[in-house]
Every structure is written in structure tokens, then in C-alpha cells.
Amino acid sequence: FTLSSGKKFAEESGFTKMFNLHSWPVYWSFPFGWHIGHGPHISIPLPSQITMSILPAISLEQYTIEDAEDRAVLKEINDQITAIMQKELDKLAKHRIPIIGRIS
């Protein structure tokens, strides 16, 4: 978990010019604790579960090339795609616990 990117420290200390370092982070990693900077720290990423879903293709055959210039039509298509994706994301997120994922 990163508490600070340390961008200001890197600039003020001269690390940006000397070593081309644009950050000097302050972070905590499990199980090794607090770290500052880019030293040779051992850190194990927290395990996480990824759930993917592939939706059916969306047909745009009913639209013409001229519709690509029409903001109202583009908004309609965008709203339609956003609604479909949000519905699927809501379904995937249901009963999930952050970091742990879904427990069956």
C-alpha cells in the first residue's frame, strides 16, 4: 500500500536530475513492513482473484457512416454499451469480498 509517491522529495533531493528518478515512494508491503525508496526490498503482492466475463458482440449494423458525426447517436451507443457493461460488472461484483474474491 503506497502512502506517498515521493515525487516532491525526489525533485528537491536532486534524484530526478542525478539518477532520473521521479519518485521516492513510502509504502508498506506484506509481510515485510514499511519501505522507503527504491532499495532491494522483498515484497510479496497480496493475492487477488480476477474474474473475467466476455460479453456477446454488439452489432452496430443499423447505423450509417454519417451517424459517426452525430453526437446524439454516439451518446446513445455509448449509453447502451455502458449500461450493458455496468450490468455485467454488477453481476460479477455481487458477493465478492475485496482482495479475497468470491468465496464459494
PDB file of N, CA and C in Angstrom:
ATOM      1  N   PHE A   1       0.855  -1.164   0.000  1.00  0.00           N
ATOM      2  CA  PHE A   1       0.000   0.000   0.000  1.00  0.00           C
ATOM      3  C   PHE A   1       0.898   1.222   0.000  1.00  0.00           C
ATOM      4  N   THR A   2       0.776   2.059  -1.010  1.00  0.00           N
ATOM      5  CA  THR A   2       1.629   3.243  -1.154  1.00  0.00           C
ATOM      6  C   THR A   2       1.012   4.420  -0.412  1.00  0.00           C
ATOM      7  N   LEU A   3       1.789   5.029   0.472  1.00  0.00           N
ATOM      8  CA  LEU A   3       1.324   6.208   1.205  1.00  0.00           C
ATOM      9  C   LEU A   3       1.689   7.493   0.480  1.00  0.00           C
ATOM     10  N   SER A   4       2.841   7.490  -0.175  1.00  0.00           N
ATOM     11  CA  SER A   4       3.282   8.682  -0.895  1.00  0.00           C
ATOM     12  C   SER A   4       4.167   8.256  -2.055  1.00  0.00           C
ATOM     13  N   SER A   5       4.026   8.936  -3.181  1.00  0.00           N
ATOM     14  CA  SER A   5       4.894   8.628  -4.316  1.00  0.00           C
ATOM     15  C   SER A   5       6.282   9.240  -4.126  1.00  0.00           C
ATOM     16  N   GLY A   6       6.379  10.244  -3.280  1.00  0.00           N
ATOM     17  CA  GLY A   6       7.660  10.876  -3.013  1.00  0.00           C
ATOM     18  C   GLY A   6       8.192  11.699  -4.172  1.00  0.00           C
ATOM     19  N   LYS A   7       7.301  12.168  -5.034  1.00  0.00           N
ATOM     20  CA  LYS A   7       7.713  12.947  -6.209  1.00  0.00           C
ATOM     21  C   LYS A   7       8.427  14.234  -5.791  1.00  0.00           C
ATOM     22  N   LYS A   8       7.851  14.937  -4.810  1.00  0.00           N
ATOM     23  CA  LYS A   8       8.442  16.203  -4.366  1.00  0.00           C
ATOM     24  C   LYS A   8       9.833  15.970  -3.740  1.00  0.00           C
ATOM     25  N   PHE A   9       9.955  14.897  -2.946  1.00  0.00           N
ATOM     26  CA  PHE A   9      11.248  14.579  -2.329  1.00  0.00           C
ATOM     27  C   PHE A   9      12.295  14.279  -3.400  1.00  0.00           C
ATOM     28  N   ALA A  10      11.924  13.511  -4.426  1.00  0.00           N
ATOM     29  CA  ALA A  10      12.862  13.169  -5.496  1.00  0.00           C
ATOM     30  C   ALA A  10      13.347  14.418  -6.225  1.00  0.00           C
ATOM     31  N   GLU A  11      12.444  15.364  -6.457  1.00  0.00           N
ATOM     32  CA  GLU A  11      12.829  16.601  -7.141  1.00  0.00           C
ATOM     33  C   GLU A  11      13.726  17.469  -6.263  1.00  0.00           C
ATOM     34  N   GLU A  12      13.345  17.648  -4.985  1.00  0.00           N
ATOM     35  CA  GLU A  12      14.103  18.531  -4.092  1.00  0.00           C
ATOM     36  C   GLU A  12      15.456  17.947  -3.697  1.00  0.00           C
ATOM     37  N   SER A  13      15.569  16.626  -3.652  1.00  0.00           N
ATOM     38  CA  SER A  13      16.836  15.997  -3.282  1.00  0.00           C
ATOM     39  C   SER A  13      17.815  15.937  -4.450  1.00  0.00           C
ATOM     40  N   GLY A  14      17.343  16.174  -5.652  1.00  0.00           N
ATOM     41  CA  GLY A  14      18.209  16.121  -6.829  1.00  0.00           C
ATOM     42  C   GLY A  14      18.248  14.757  -7.490  1.00  0.00           C
ATOM     43  N   PHE A  15      17.516  13.788  -6.958  1.00  0.00           N
ATOM     44  CA  PHE A  15      17.500  12.446  -7.545  1.00  0.00           C
ATOM     45  C   PHE A  15      16.953  12.464  -8.969  1.00  0.00           C
ATOM     46  N   THR A  16      16.037  13.392  -9.234  1.00  0.00           N
ATOM     47  CA  THR A  16      15.443  13.469 -10.569  1.00  0.00           C
ATOM     48  C   THR A  16      16.509  13.801 -11.608  1.00  0.00           C
ATOM     49  N   LYS A  17      17.391  14.755 -11.290  1.00  0.00           N
ATOM     50  CA  LYS A  17      18.434  15.146 -12.240  1.00  0.00           C
ATOM     51  C   LYS A  17      19.591  14.150 -12.255  1.00  0.00           C
ATOM     52  N   MET A  18      20.017  13.690 -11.057  1.00  0.00           N
ATOM     53  CA  MET A  18      21.180  12.797 -10.986  1.00  0.00           C
ATOM     54  C   MET A  18      20.894  11.392 -11.508  1.00  0.00           C
ATOM     55  N   PHE A  19      19.789  10.817 -11.092  1.00  0.00           N
ATOM     56  CA  PHE A  19      19.522   9.409 -11.393  1.00  0.00           C
ATOM     57  C   PHE A  19      18.282   9.189 -12.261  1.00  0.00           C
ATOM     58  N   ASN A  20      17.646  10.269 -12.697  1.00  0.00           N
ATOM     59  CA  ASN A  20      16.405  10.198 -13.474  1.00  0.00           C
ATOM     60  C   ASN A  20      15.311   9.465 -12.693  1.00  0.00           C
ATOM     61  N   LEU A  21      15.314   9.620 -11.370  1.00  0.00           N
ATOM     62  CA  LEU A  21      14.279   9.045 -10.506  1.00  0.00           C
ATOM     63  C   LEU A  21      13.222  10.110 -10.267  1.00  0.00           C
ATOM     64  N   HIS A  22      11.997   9.820 -10.615  1.00  0.00           N
ATOM     65  CA  HIS A  22      10.922  10.792 -10.474  1.00  0.00           C
ATOM     66  C   HIS A  22      10.036  10.491  -9.274  1.00  0.00           C
ATOM     67  N   SER A  23      10.416   9.490  -8.481  1.00  0.00           N
ATOM     68  CA  SER A  23       9.646   9.177  -7.271  1.00  0.00           C
ATOM     69  C   SER A  23      10.570   8.552  -6.240  1.00  0.00           C
ATOM     70  N   TRP A  24      10.180   8.646  -4.992  1.00  0.00           N
ATOM     71  CA  TRP A  24      10.882   8.021  -3.873  1.00  0.00           C
ATOM     72  C   TRP A  24       9.788   7.591  -2.895  1.00  0.00           C
ATOM     73  N   PRO A  25       9.108   6.474  -3.225  1.00  0.00           N
ATOM     74  CA  PRO A  25       7.877   6.113  -2.522  1.00  0.00           C
ATOM     75  C   PRO A  25       8.051   5.694  -1.070  1.00  0.00           C
ATOM     76  N   VAL A  26       6.997   5.909  -0.314  1.00  0.00           N
ATOM     77  CA  VAL A  26       6.878   5.395   1.044  1.00  0.00           C
ATOM     78  C   VAL A  26       5.709   4.425   0.995  1.00  0.00           C
ATOM     79  N   TYR A  27       5.990   3.152   1.317  1.00  0.00           N
ATOM     80  CA  TYR A  27       4.926   2.158   1.204  1.00  0.00           C
ATOM     81  C   TYR A  27       5.083   1.046   2.227  1.00  0.00           C
ATOM     82  N   TRP A  28       4.030   0.271   2.380  1.00  0.00           N
ATOM     83  CA  TRP A  28       4.002  -0.870   3.277  1.00  0.00           C
ATOM     84  C   TRP A  28       3.692  -2.106   2.469  1.00  0.00           C
ATOM     85  N   SER A  29       4.466  -3.168   2.693  1.00  0.00           N
ATOM     86  CA  SER A  29       4.193  -4.409   1.983  1.00  0.00           C
ATOM     87  C   SER A  29       4.103  -5.558   2.979  1.00  0.00           C
ATOM     88  N   PHE A  30       3.255  -6.488   2.643  1.00  0.00           N
ATOM     89  CA  PHE A  30       3.067  -7.665   3.490  1.00  0.00           C
ATOM     90  C   PHE A  30       4.073  -8.729   3.069  1.00  0.00           C
ATOM     91  N   PRO A  31       4.726  -9.403   3.940  1.00  0.00           N
ATOM     92  CA  PRO A  31       4.756  -9.326   5.396  1.00  0.00           C
ATOM     93  C   PRO A  31       5.963  -8.561   5.914  1.00  0.00           C
ATOM     94  N   PHE A  32       6.646  -7.790   5.047  1.00  0.00           N
ATOM     95  CA  PHE A  32       7.925  -7.199   5.413  1.00  0.00           C
ATOM     96  C   PHE A  32       7.861  -5.779   5.952  1.00  0.00           C
ATOM     97  N   GLY A  33       6.691  -5.162   6.015  1.00  0.00           N
ATOM     98  CA  GLY A  33       6.537  -3.873   6.672  1.00  0.00           C
ATOM     99  C   GLY A  33       6.816  -2.663   5.806  1.00  0.00           C
ATOM    100  N   TRP A  34       7.290  -1.602   6.465  1.00  0.00           N
ATOM    101  CA  TRP A  34       7.477  -0.293   5.833  1.00  0.00           C
ATOM    102  C   TRP A  34       8.738  -0.245   4.989  1.00  0.00           C
ATOM    103  N   HIS A  35       8.669   0.473   3.861  1.00  0.00           N
ATOM    104  CA  HIS A  35       9.809   0.681   2.972  1.00  0.00           C
ATOM    105  C   HIS A  35       9.799   2.128   2.495  1.00  0.00           C
ATOM    106  N   ILE A  36      11.012   2.645   2.287  1.00  0.00           N
ATOM    107  CA  ILE A  36      11.161   3.987   1.740  1.00  0.00           C
ATOM    108  C   ILE A  36      12.148   3.891   0.588  1.00  0.00           C
ATOM    109  N   GLY A  37      11.770   4.420  -0.542  1.00  0.00           N
ATOM    110  CA  GLY A  37      12.674   4.461  -1.678  1.00  0.00           C
ATOM    111  C   GLY A  37      12.637   3.211  -2.531  1.00  0.00           C
ATOM    112  N   HIS A  38      13.719   3.067  -3.341  1.00  0.00           N
ATOM    113  CA  HIS A  38      13.776   2.012  -4.342  1.00  0.00           C
ATOM    114  C   HIS A  38      14.818   0.956  -4.005  1.00  0.00           C
ATOM    115  N   GLY A  39      15.091   0.745  -2.749  1.00  0.00           N
ATOM    116  CA  GLY A  39      16.099  -0.244  -2.349  1.00  0.00           C
ATOM    117  C   GLY A  39      15.688  -1.661  -2.705  1.00  0.00           C
ATOM    118  N   PRO A  40      16.588  -2.605  -2.445  1.00  0.00           N
ATOM    119  CA  PRO A  40      16.292  -4.004  -2.764  1.00  0.00           C
ATOM    120  C   PRO A  40      15.361  -4.631  -1.723  1.00  0.00           C
ATOM    121  N   HIS A  41      14.137  -4.215  -1.721  1.00  0.00           N
ATOM    122  CA  HIS A  41      13.169  -4.703  -0.756  1.00  0.00           C
ATOM    123  C   HIS A  41      12.473  -5.945  -1.299  1.00  0.00           C
ATOM    124  N   ILE A  42      12.214  -6.835  -0.404  1.00  0.00           N
ATOM    125  CA  ILE A  42      11.438  -8.012  -0.777  1.00  0.00           C
ATOM    126  C   ILE A  42       9.986  -7.698  -0.450  1.00  0.00           C
ATOM    127  N   SER A  43       9.135  -7.898  -1.391  1.00  0.00           N
ATOM    128  CA  SER A  43       7.716  -7.707  -1.117  1.00  0.00           C
ATOM    129  C   SER A  43       6.931  -8.761  -1.873  1.00  0.00           C
ATOM    130  N   ILE A  44       5.926  -9.229  -1.231  1.00  0.00           N
ATOM    131  CA  ILE A  44       5.058 -10.228  -1.830  1.00  0.00           C
ATOM    132  C   ILE A  44       3.721  -9.557  -2.100  1.00  0.00           C
ATOM    133  N   PRO A  45       3.285  -9.552  -3.345  1.00  0.00           N
ATOM    134  CA  PRO A  45       2.000  -8.909  -3.618  1.00  0.00           C
ATOM    135  C   PRO A  45       0.862  -9.657  -2.932  1.00  0.00           C
ATOM    136  N   LEU A  46      -0.142  -8.918  -2.525  1.00  0.00           N
ATOM    137  CA  LEU A  46      -1.303  -9.549  -1.929  1.00  0.00           C
ATOM    138  C   LEU A  46      -2.006 -10.395  -2.983  1.00  0.00           C
ATOM    139  N   PRO A  47      -2.424 -11.563  -2.592  1.00  0.00           N
ATOM    140  CA  PRO A  47      -3.123 -12.395  -3.574  1.00  0.00           C
ATOM    141  C   PRO A  47      -4.472 -11.786  -3.923  1.00  0.00           C
ATOM    142  N   SER A  48      -4.869 -11.939  -5.128  1.00  0.00           N
ATOM    143  CA  SER A  48      -6.172 -11.446  -5.525  1.00  0.00           C
ATOM    144  C   SER A  48      -6.761 -12.373  -6.576  1.00  0.00           C
ATOM    145  N   GLN A  49      -8.028 -12.314  -6.690  1.00  0.00           N
ATOM    146  CA  GLN A  49      -8.741 -13.149  -7.638  1.00  0.00           C
ATOM    147  C   GLN A  49      -9.251 -12.263  -8.766  1.00  0.00           C
ATOM    148  N   ILE A  50      -9.077 -12.721  -9.984  1.00  0.00           N
ATOM    149  CA  ILE A  50      -9.575 -11.978 -11.130  1.00  0.00           C
ATOM    150  C   ILE A  50     -10.696 -12.791 -11.757  1.00  0.00           C
ATOM    151  N   THR A  51     -11.813 -12.143 -11.953  1.00  0.00           N
ATOM    152  CA  THR A  51     -12.939 -12.782 -12.611  1.00  0.00           C
ATOM    153  C   THR A  51     -13.207 -12.029 -13.897  1.00  0.00           C
ATOM    154  N   MET A  52     -13.256 -12.759 -14.991  1.00  0.00           N
ATOM    155  CA  MET A  52     -13.482 -12.128 -16.291  1.00  0.00           C
ATOM    156  C   MET A  52     -14.780 -12.629 -16.897  1.00  0.00           C
ATOM    157  N   SER A  53     -15.346 -11.804 -17.729  1.00  0.00           N
ATOM    158  CA  SER A  53     -16.557 -12.183 -18.442  1.00  0.00           C
ATOM    159  C   SER A  53     -16.471 -11.608 -19.849  1.00  0.00           C
ATOM    160  N   ILE A  54     -16.776 -12.427 -20.815  1.00  0.00           N
ATOM    161  CA  ILE A  54     -16.771 -11.969 -22.202  1.00  0.00           C
ATOM    162  C   ILE A  54     -18.220 -11.876 -22.655  1.00  0.00           C
ATOM    163  N   LEU A  55     -18.610 -10.685 -23.037  1.00  0.00           N
ATOM    164  CA  LEU A  55     -19.985 -10.435 -23.460  1.00  0.00           C
ATOM    165  C   LEU A  55     -20.135 -10.667 -24.961  1.00  0.00           C
ATOM    166  N   PRO A  56     -21.352 -10.900 -25.407  1.00  0.00           N
ATOM    167  CA  PRO A  56     -21.572 -11.048 -26.851  1.00  0.00           C
ATOM    168  C   PRO A  56     -21.231  -9.755 -27.585  1.00  0.00           C
ATOM    169  N   ALA A  57     -20.867  -9.906 -28.832  1.00  0.00           N
ATOM    170  CA  ALA A  57     -20.531  -8.741 -29.657  1.00  0.00           C
ATOM    171  C   ALA A  57     -21.748  -7.832 -29.806  1.00  0.00           C
ATOM    172  N   ILE A  58     -21.476  -6.547 -29.873  1.00  0.00           N
ATOM    173  CA  ILE A  58     -22.545  -5.565 -30.046  1.00  0.00           C
ATOM    174  C   ILE A  58     -22.574  -5.164 -31.520  1.00  0.00           C
ATOM    175  N   SER A  59     -23.708  -5.336 -32.142  1.00  0.00           N
ATOM    176  CA  SER A  59     -23.843  -5.014 -33.561  1.00  0.00           C
ATOM    177  C   SER A  59     -24.189  -3.538 -33.738  1.00  0.00           C
ATOM    178  N   LEU A  60     -23.480  -2.913 -34.650  1.00  0.00           N
ATOM    179  CA  LEU A  60     -23.744  -1.513 -34.992  1.00  0.00           C
ATOM    180  C   LEU A  60     -24.181  -1.389 -36.445  1.00  0.00           C
ATOM    181  N   GLU A  61     -24.688  -2.486 -37.005  1.00  0.00           N
ATOM    182  CA  GLU A  61     -25.076  -2.505 -38.414  1.00  0.00           C
ATOM    183  C   GLU A  61     -26.211  -1.545 -38.750  1.00  0.00           C
ATOM    184  N   GLN A  62     -27.059  -1.229 -37.768  1.00  0.00           N
ATOM    185  CA  GLN A  62     -28.195  -0.346 -38.039  1.00  0.00           C
ATOM    186  C   GLN A  62     -27.765   1.120 -38.184  1.00  0.00           C
ATOM    187  N   TYR A  63     -26.503   1.429 -37.909  1.00  0.00           N
ATOM    188  CA  TYR A  63     -26.020   2.806 -38.021  1.00  0.00           C
ATOM    189  C   TYR A  63     -25.260   2.993 -39.330  1.00  0.00           C
ATOM    190  N   THR A  64     -25.233   4.231 -39.800  1.00  0.00           N
ATOM    191  CA  THR A  64     -24.521   4.561 -41.038  1.00  0.00           C
ATOM    192  C   THR A  64     -23.229   5.291 -40.708  1.00  0.00           C
ATOM    193  N   ILE A  65     -22.417   5.506 -41.730  1.00  0.00           N
ATOM    194  CA  ILE A  65     -21.163   6.237 -41.547  1.00  0.00           C
ATOM    195  C   ILE A  65     -21.438   7.670 -41.091  1.00  0.00           C
ATOM    196  N   GLU A  66     -22.526   8.251 -41.575  1.00  0.00           N
ATOM    197  CA  GLU A  66     -22.877   9.623 -41.196  1.00  0.00           C
ATOM    198  C   GLU A  66     -23.204   9.712 -39.695  1.00  0.00           C
ATOM    199  N   ASP A  67     -23.689   8.598 -39.109  1.00  0.00           N
ATOM    200  CA  ASP A  67     -24.013   8.593 -37.681  1.00  0.00           C
ATOM    201  C   ASP A  67     -22.775   8.799 -36.809  1.00  0.00           C
ATOM    202  N   ALA A  68     -21.608   8.529 -37.371  1.00  0.00           N
ATOM    203  CA  ALA A  68     -20.360   8.715 -36.620  1.00  0.00           C
ATOM    204  C   ALA A  68     -20.098  10.181 -36.302  1.00  0.00           C
ATOM    205  N   GLU A  69     -20.743  11.083 -37.036  1.00  0.00           N
ATOM    206  CA  GLU A  69     -20.591  12.515 -36.816  1.00  0.00           C
ATOM    207  C   GLU A  69     -21.710  13.086 -35.940  1.00  0.00           C
ATOM    208  N   ASP A  70     -22.721  12.301 -35.670  1.00  0.00           N
ATOM    209  CA  ASP A  70     -23.892  12.756 -34.914  1.00  0.00           C
ATOM    210  C   ASP A  70     -23.682  12.465 -33.421  1.00  0.00           C
ATOM    211  N   ARG A  71     -23.531  13.526 -32.638  1.00  0.00           N
ATOM    212  CA  ARG A  71     -23.260  13.368 -31.196  1.00  0.00           C
ATOM    213  C   ARG A  71     -24.385  12.645 -30.470  1.00  0.00           C
ATOM    214  N   ALA A  72     -25.618  12.860 -30.873  1.00  0.00           N
ATOM    215  CA  ALA A  72     -26.755  12.207 -30.222  1.00  0.00           C
ATOM    216  C   ALA A  72     -26.699  10.694 -30.420  1.00  0.00           C
ATOM    217  N   VAL A  73     -26.360  10.277 -31.636  1.00  0.00           N
ATOM    218  CA  VAL A  73     -26.255   8.843 -31.925  1.00  0.00           C
ATOM    219  C   VAL A  73     -25.086   8.237 -31.164  1.00  0.00           C
ATOM    220  N   LEU A  74     -23.955   8.948 -31.142  1.00  0.00           N
ATOM    221  CA  LEU A  74     -22.790   8.459 -30.401  1.00  0.00           C
ATOM    222  C   LEU A  74     -23.088   8.332 -28.911  1.00  0.00           C
ATOM    223  N   LYS A  75     -23.828   9.292 -28.366  1.00  0.00           N
ATOM    224  CA  LYS A  75     -24.201   9.220 -26.956  1.00  0.00           C
ATOM    225  C   LYS A  75     -25.117   8.031 -26.711  1.00  0.00           C
ATOM    226  N   GLU A  76     -26.038   7.787 -27.627  1.00  0.00           N
ATOM    227  CA  GLU A  76     -26.953   6.646 -27.499  1.00  0.00           C
ATOM    228  C   GLU A  76     -26.171   5.325 -27.490  1.00  0.00           C
ATOM    229  N   ILE A  77     -25.203   5.188 -28.405  1.00  0.00           N
ATOM    230  CA  ILE A  77     -24.386   3.977 -28.469  1.00  0.00           C
ATOM    231  C   ILE A  77     -23.553   3.833 -27.197  1.00  0.00           C
ATOM    232  N   ASN A  78     -22.945   4.931 -26.775  1.00  0.00           N
ATOM    233  CA  ASN A  78     -22.137   4.910 -25.560  1.00  0.00           C
ATOM    234  C   ASN A  78     -22.969   4.522 -24.342  1.00  0.00           C
ATOM    235  N   ASP A  79     -24.151   5.105 -24.217  1.00  0.00           N
ATOM    236  CA  ASP A  79     -25.029   4.779 -23.086  1.00  0.00           C
ATOM    237  C   ASP A  79     -25.443   3.316 -23.103  1.00  0.00           C
ATOM    238  N   GLN A  80     -25.705   2.802 -24.302  1.00  0.00           N
ATOM    239  CA  GLN A  80     -26.098   1.397 -24.436  1.00  0.00           C
ATOM    240  C   GLN A  80     -24.950   0.476 -23.993  1.00  0.00           C
ATOM    241  N   ILE A  81     -23.746   0.731 -24.479  1.00  0.00           N
ATOM    242  CA  ILE A  81     -22.588  -0.095 -24.132  1.00  0.00           C
ATOM    243  C   ILE A  81     -22.265   0.024 -22.651  1.00  0.00           C
ATOM    244  N   THR A  82     -22.314   1.240 -22.123  1.00  0.00           N
ATOM    245  CA  THR A  82     -22.038   1.449 -20.703  1.00  0.00           C
ATOM    246  C   THR A  82     -23.039   0.707 -19.832  1.00  0.00           C
ATOM    247  N   ALA A  83     -24.302   0.730 -20.194  1.00  0.00           N
ATOM    248  CA  ALA A  83     -25.336   0.037 -19.420  1.00  0.00           C
ATOM    249  C   ALA A  83     -25.116  -1.474 -19.435  1.00  0.00           C
ATOM    250  N   ILE A  84     -24.786  -2.015 -20.599  1.00  0.00           N
ATOM    251  CA  ILE A  84     -24.529  -3.457 -20.703  1.00  0.00           C
ATOM    252  C   ILE A  84     -23.329  -3.852 -19.844  1.00  0.00           C
ATOM    253  N   MET A  85     -22.261  -3.080 -19.944  1.00  0.00           N
ATOM    254  CA  MET A  85     -21.051  -3.386 -19.176  1.00  0.00           C
ATOM    255  C   MET A  85     -21.285  -3.237 -17.678  1.00  0.00           C
ATOM    256  N   GLN A  86     -22.008  -2.187 -17.271  1.00  0.00           N
ATOM    257  CA  GLN A  86     -22.269  -1.972 -15.844  1.00  0.00           C
ATOM    258  C   GLN A  86     -23.107  -3.101 -15.266  1.00  0.00           C
ATOM    259  N   LYS A  87     -24.093  -3.559 -16.029  1.00  0.00           N
ATOM    260  CA  LYS A  87     -24.935  -4.669 -15.580  1.00  0.00           C
ATOM    261  C   LYS A  87     -24.083  -5.925 -15.345  1.00  0.00           C
ATOM    262  N   GLU A  88     -23.164  -6.194 -16.258  1.00  0.00           N
ATOM    263  CA  GLU A  88     -22.289  -7.364 -16.121  1.00  0.00           C
ATOM    264  C   GLU A  88     -21.319  -7.198 -14.951  1.00  0.00           C
ATOM    265  N   LEU A  89     -20.771  -5.998 -14.779  1.00  0.00           N
ATOM    266  CA  LEU A  89     -19.866  -5.747 -13.645  1.00  0.00           C
ATOM    267  C   LEU A  89     -20.593  -5.887 -12.313  1.00  0.00           C
ATOM    268  N   ASP A  90     -21.826  -5.410 -12.247  1.00  0.00           N
ATOM    269  CA  ASP A  90     -22.616  -5.576 -11.027  1.00  0.00           C
ATOM    270  C   ASP A  90     -22.830  -7.053 -10.717  1.00  0.00           C
ATOM    271  N   LYS A  91     -23.075  -7.834 -11.767  1.00  0.00           N
ATOM    272  CA  LYS A  91     -23.281  -9.273 -11.592  1.00  0.00           C
ATOM    273  C   LYS A  91     -21.992  -9.942 -11.086  1.00  0.00           C
ATOM    274  N   LEU A  92     -20.853  -9.547 -11.660  1.00  0.00           N
ATOM    275  CA  LEU A  92     -19.575 -10.129 -11.247  1.00  0.00           C
ATOM    276  C   LEU A  92     -19.175  -9.712  -9.835  1.00  0.00           C
ATOM    277  N   ALA A  93     -19.513  -8.489  -9.450  1.00  0.00           N
ATOM    278  CA  ALA A  93     -19.111  -7.966  -8.150  1.00  0.00           C
ATOM    279  C   ALA A  93     -19.989  -8.457  -7.000  1.00  0.00           C
ATOM    280  N   LYS A  94     -21.148  -8.989  -7.332  1.00  0.00           N
ATOM    281  CA  LYS A  94     -22.077  -9.427  -6.294  1.00  0.00           C
ATOM    282  C   LYS A  94     -21.433 -10.534  -5.454  1.00  0.00           C
ATOM    283  N   HIS A  95     -21.479 -10.376  -4.148  1.00  0.00           N
ATOM    284  CA  HIS A  95     -20.957 -11.324  -3.167  1.00  0.00           C
ATOM    285  C   HIS A  95     -19.436 -11.445  -3.164  1.00  0.00           C
ATOM    286  N   ARG A  96     -18.729 -10.485  -3.741  1.00  0.00           N
ATOM    287  CA  ARG A  96     -17.259 -10.527  -3.685  1.00  0.00           C
ATOM    288  C   ARG A  96     -16.775  -9.798  -2.452  1.00  0.00           C
ATOM    289  N   ILE A  97     -15.665 -10.285  -1.907  1.00  0.00           N
ATOM    290  CA  ILE A  97     -15.001  -9.650  -0.772  1.00  0.00           C
ATOM    291  C   ILE A  97     -13.706  -9.054  -1.318  1.00  0.00           C
ATOM    292  N   PRO A  98     -13.422  -7.745  -1.087  1.00  0.00           N
ATOM    293  CA  PRO A  98     -12.195  -7.152  -1.626  1.00  0.00           C
ATOM    294  C   PRO A  98     -10.954  -7.966  -1.233  1.00  0.00           C
ATOM    295  N   ILE A  99     -10.020  -8.082  -2.157  1.00  0.00           N
ATOM    296  CA  ILE A  99      -8.765  -8.813  -2.058  1.00  0.00           C
ATOM    297  C   ILE A  99      -8.983 -10.327  -2.063  1.00  0.00           C
ATOM    298  N   ILE A 100      -9.921 -10.830  -1.272  1.00  0.00           N
ATOM    299  CA  ILE A 100     -10.134 -12.264  -1.167  1.00  0.00           C
ATOM    300  C   ILE A 100     -10.851 -12.801  -2.393  1.00  0.00           C
ATOM    301  N   GLY A 101     -11.831 -12.070  -2.885  1.00  0.00           N
ATOM    302  CA  GLY A 101     -12.584 -12.507  -4.048  1.00  0.00           C
ATOM    303  C   GLY A 101     -13.875 -13.183  -3.650  1.00  0.00           C
ATOM    304  N   ARG A 102     -14.319 -14.081  -4.465  1.00  0.00           N
ATOM    305  CA  ARG A 102     -15.585 -14.779  -4.233  1.00  0.00           C
ATOM    306  C   ARG A 102     -15.315 -16.066  -3.471  1.00  0.00           C
ATOM    307  N   ILE A 103     -16.091 -16.261  -2.426  1.00  0.00           N
ATOM    308  CA  ILE A 103     -15.975 -17.486  -1.641  1.00  0.00           C
ATOM    309  C   ILE A 103     -17.169 -18.353  -1.982  1.00  0.00           C
ATOM    310  N   SER A 104     -16.879 -19.543  -2.468  1.00  0.00           N
ATOM    311  CA  SER A 104     -17.957 -20.458  -2.874  1.00  0.00           C
ATOM    312  C   SER A 104     -18.441 -21.283  -1.689  1.00  0.00           C
TER     313      SER A 104
END
